[in-house]
Amino acid sequence: MKKMCKWLLLVSLLTLGTAWAEEAVPEDSVQAAAIQGDAKAQAKLGAMYLLGNGQEKDEQQAAEWLIKAATQGYVDAQVLVAALYDRGIGVKSDVKTATGWYEKAAAQGHTASLAILGKNPVAAGGVAFSYQRMRLNAAKQIPTEYAKKILLTK
């Protein structure tokens, strides 16, 4: 019974999170701001293309807009672009390029990127840990979760 309650709570939270991410984003204003060079709008437009939210799903378009935002230093876009390169979503898979983007985010203090790179000072001297496995798992979760996070950003 306890497991069932936890499962229902998890499903409802995931559904609620998805509903928030699916709220209508005024796509015309986002696209106009993205074209004008606004990094946050570029990231939102990329997230919209990645999720198929307000735009037809197009991973290449998503990657293009997210790279524009990441190049301007938008940290969430940098992490998302790194994961896209790790997985080959909308871009050719390239671990070296992915690592470069994680390093840019880590340089801004992004803790997950630090951990993915094995540079988390908290884990130093701790038990043996597979950063490669963690990176692969993170690369699977980051695109969807960060795209939703970007869409929810005001």
Protein backbone atom coordinates (compact mmCIF):
# COMPACT_ATOMS: atom_id res chain seq x y z
CA MET A 1 0.00 0.00 0.00
CA LYS A 2 2.83 2.34 0.89
CA LYS A 3 4.52 1.65 -2.47
CA MET A 4 1.24 2.33 -4.25
CA CYS A 5 0.87 5.71 -2.52
CA LYS A 6 4.45 6.65 -3.43
CA TRP A 7 3.87 5.60 -7.02
CA LEU A 8 0.65 7.64 -7.27
CA LEU A 9 2.40 10.66 -5.76
CA LEU A 10 5.27 10.33 -8.24
CA VAL A 11 2.90 9.99 -11.19
CA SER A 12 0.87 13.01 -10.09
CA LEU A 13 4.00 15.11 -9.61
CA LEU A 14 5.32 14.13 -13.03
CA THR A 15 1.95 14.88 -14.59
CA LEU A 16 1.82 18.26 -12.86
CA GLY A 17 5.36 19.06 -14.05
CA THR A 18 4.45 18.09 -17.58
CA ALA A 19 1.28 20.19 -17.45
CA TRP A 20 3.30 23.24 -16.38
CA ALA A 21 5.75 22.69 -19.22
CA GLU A 22 2.87 22.39 -21.67
CA GLU A 23 1.33 25.73 -20.75
CA ALA A 24 1.01 27.96 -23.75
CA VAL A 25 4.14 30.02 -24.23
CA PRO A 26 3.48 33.03 -26.44
CA GLU A 27 5.58 31.61 -29.26
CA ASP A 28 5.50 34.73 -31.45
CA SER A 29 7.06 36.90 -28.75
CA VAL A 30 9.58 34.20 -27.85
CA GLN A 31 10.59 33.76 -31.48
CA ALA A 32 10.88 37.52 -32.02
CA ALA A 33 13.07 37.92 -28.93
CA ALA A 34 15.18 34.91 -29.95
CA ILE A 35 15.78 36.37 -33.41
CA GLN A 36 16.81 39.63 -31.73
CA GLY A 37 19.50 37.69 -29.83
CA ASP A 38 17.93 37.30 -26.37
CA ALA A 39 19.65 34.24 -24.84
CA LYS A 40 16.74 33.30 -22.58
CA ALA A 41 14.31 33.46 -25.53
CA GLN A 42 16.72 31.43 -27.68
CA ALA A 43 16.84 28.77 -24.95
CA LYS A 44 13.04 28.78 -24.66
CA LEU A 45 12.60 28.46 -28.41
CA GLY A 46 15.12 25.60 -28.45
CA ALA A 47 13.23 23.91 -25.60
CA MET A 48 9.96 24.35 -27.49
CA TYR A 49 11.43 22.64 -30.55
CA LEU A 50 12.99 19.90 -28.44
CA LEU A 51 9.74 19.05 -26.65
CA GLY A 52 7.36 19.84 -29.51
CA ASN A 53 5.72 22.44 -27.27
CA GLY A 54 4.23 25.28 -29.33
CA GLN A 55 6.46 24.27 -32.24
CA GLU A 56 6.64 21.10 -34.26
CA LYS A 57 9.26 18.86 -32.67
CA ASP A 58 12.55 19.43 -34.49
CA GLU A 59 15.75 18.33 -32.76
CA GLN A 60 18.05 20.11 -35.21
CA GLN A 61 16.24 23.43 -34.76
CA ALA A 62 16.28 22.85 -31.01
CA ALA A 63 20.04 22.31 -31.05
CA GLU A 64 20.64 25.41 -33.19
CA TRP A 65 18.71 27.71 -30.85
CA LEU A 66 20.12 26.15 -27.71
CA ILE A 67 23.68 26.51 -29.02
CA LYS A 68 23.01 30.22 -29.65
CA ALA A 69 21.85 30.63 -26.04
CA ALA A 70 24.72 28.53 -24.69
CA THR A 71 27.27 30.55 -26.64
CA GLN A 72 25.99 33.66 -24.82
CA GLY A 73 26.68 31.99 -21.47
CA TYR A 74 23.17 30.83 -20.56
CA VAL A 75 24.16 28.04 -18.16
CA ASP A 76 21.06 25.83 -18.47
CA ALA A 77 21.44 25.91 -22.25
CA GLN A 78 25.13 24.99 -21.89
CA VAL A 79 24.23 21.89 -19.87
CA LEU A 80 21.45 20.98 -22.27
CA VAL A 81 23.73 21.40 -25.30
CA ALA A 82 26.34 19.21 -23.60
CA ALA A 83 23.75 16.46 -23.16
CA LEU A 84 22.63 16.85 -26.79
CA TYR A 85 26.21 16.28 -27.94
CA ASP A 86 26.63 13.37 -25.53
CA ARG A 87 23.55 11.67 -27.00
CA GLY A 88 23.68 12.93 -30.58
CA ILE A 89 20.30 14.66 -30.39
CA GLY A 90 19.99 17.23 -33.18
CA VAL A 91 23.77 17.26 -33.55
CA LYS A 92 26.44 14.69 -34.33
CA SER A 93 27.45 12.86 -31.16
CA ASP A 94 30.76 14.32 -29.94
CA VAL A 95 31.99 13.59 -26.41
CA LYS A 96 34.79 16.16 -26.65
CA THR A 97 32.37 18.95 -27.58
CA ALA A 98 29.95 17.79 -24.87
CA THR A 99 32.75 17.90 -22.31
CA GLY A 100 33.61 21.44 -23.41
CA TRP A 101 30.04 22.58 -22.76
CA TYR A 102 29.94 20.85 -19.37
CA GLU A 103 33.21 22.61 -18.54
CA LYS A 104 31.73 26.01 -19.46
CA ALA A 105 28.75 25.35 -17.18
CA ALA A 106 31.04 24.05 -14.42
CA ALA A 107 33.11 27.25 -14.68
CA GLN A 108 29.91 29.11 -13.73
CA GLY A 109 29.53 26.90 -10.66
CA HIS A 110 26.92 24.52 -12.07
CA THR A 111 27.13 21.68 -9.54
CA ALA A 112 25.69 18.92 -11.74
CA SER A 113 28.25 19.73 -14.44
CA LEU A 114 31.02 19.61 -11.85
CA ALA A 115 29.77 16.19 -10.76
CA ILE A 116 29.43 14.94 -14.34
CA LEU A 117 33.05 15.95 -14.97
CA GLY A 118 34.21 14.28 -11.77
CA LYS A 119 35.22 17.64 -10.29
CA ASN A 120 32.79 17.64 -7.40
CA PRO A 121 34.88 18.41 -4.29
CA VAL A 122 32.28 16.74 -2.06
CA ALA A 123 32.95 13.36 -3.66
CA ALA A 124 36.74 13.67 -3.36
CA GLY A 125 38.12 10.87 -1.21
CA GLY A 126 34.72 9.20 -1.06
CA VAL A 127 33.75 5.74 -2.15
CA ALA A 128 34.53 4.58 -5.66
CA PHE A 129 32.08 6.19 -8.05
CA SER A 130 31.53 5.79 -11.78
CA TYR A 131 31.40 9.29 -13.22
CA GLN A 132 31.07 7.81 -16.71
CA ARG A 133 27.90 5.94 -15.74
CA MET A 134 26.56 9.05 -14.02
CA ARG A 135 27.29 11.12 -17.14
CA LEU A 136 25.44 8.64 -19.36
CA ASN A 137 22.43 8.64 -17.03
CA ALA A 138 22.47 12.43 -16.79
CA ALA A 139 22.67 12.78 -20.57
CA LYS A 140 19.49 10.70 -20.83
CA GLN A 141 17.56 12.87 -18.35
CA ILE A 142 18.93 16.36 -18.99
CA PRO A 143 17.36 17.11 -22.39
CA THR A 144 13.75 16.69 -21.29
CA GLU A 145 14.16 17.96 -17.73
CA TYR A 146 16.22 21.04 -18.61
CA ALA A 147 13.94 21.87 -21.55
CA LYS A 148 10.96 21.83 -19.16
CA LYS A 149 12.93 23.91 -16.65
CA ILE A 150 13.79 26.49 -19.32
CA LEU A 151 10.13 26.73 -20.41
CA LEU A 152 9.07 27.38 -16.82
CA THR A 153 11.59 30.20 -16.39
CA LYS A 154 9.99 33.61 -16.43
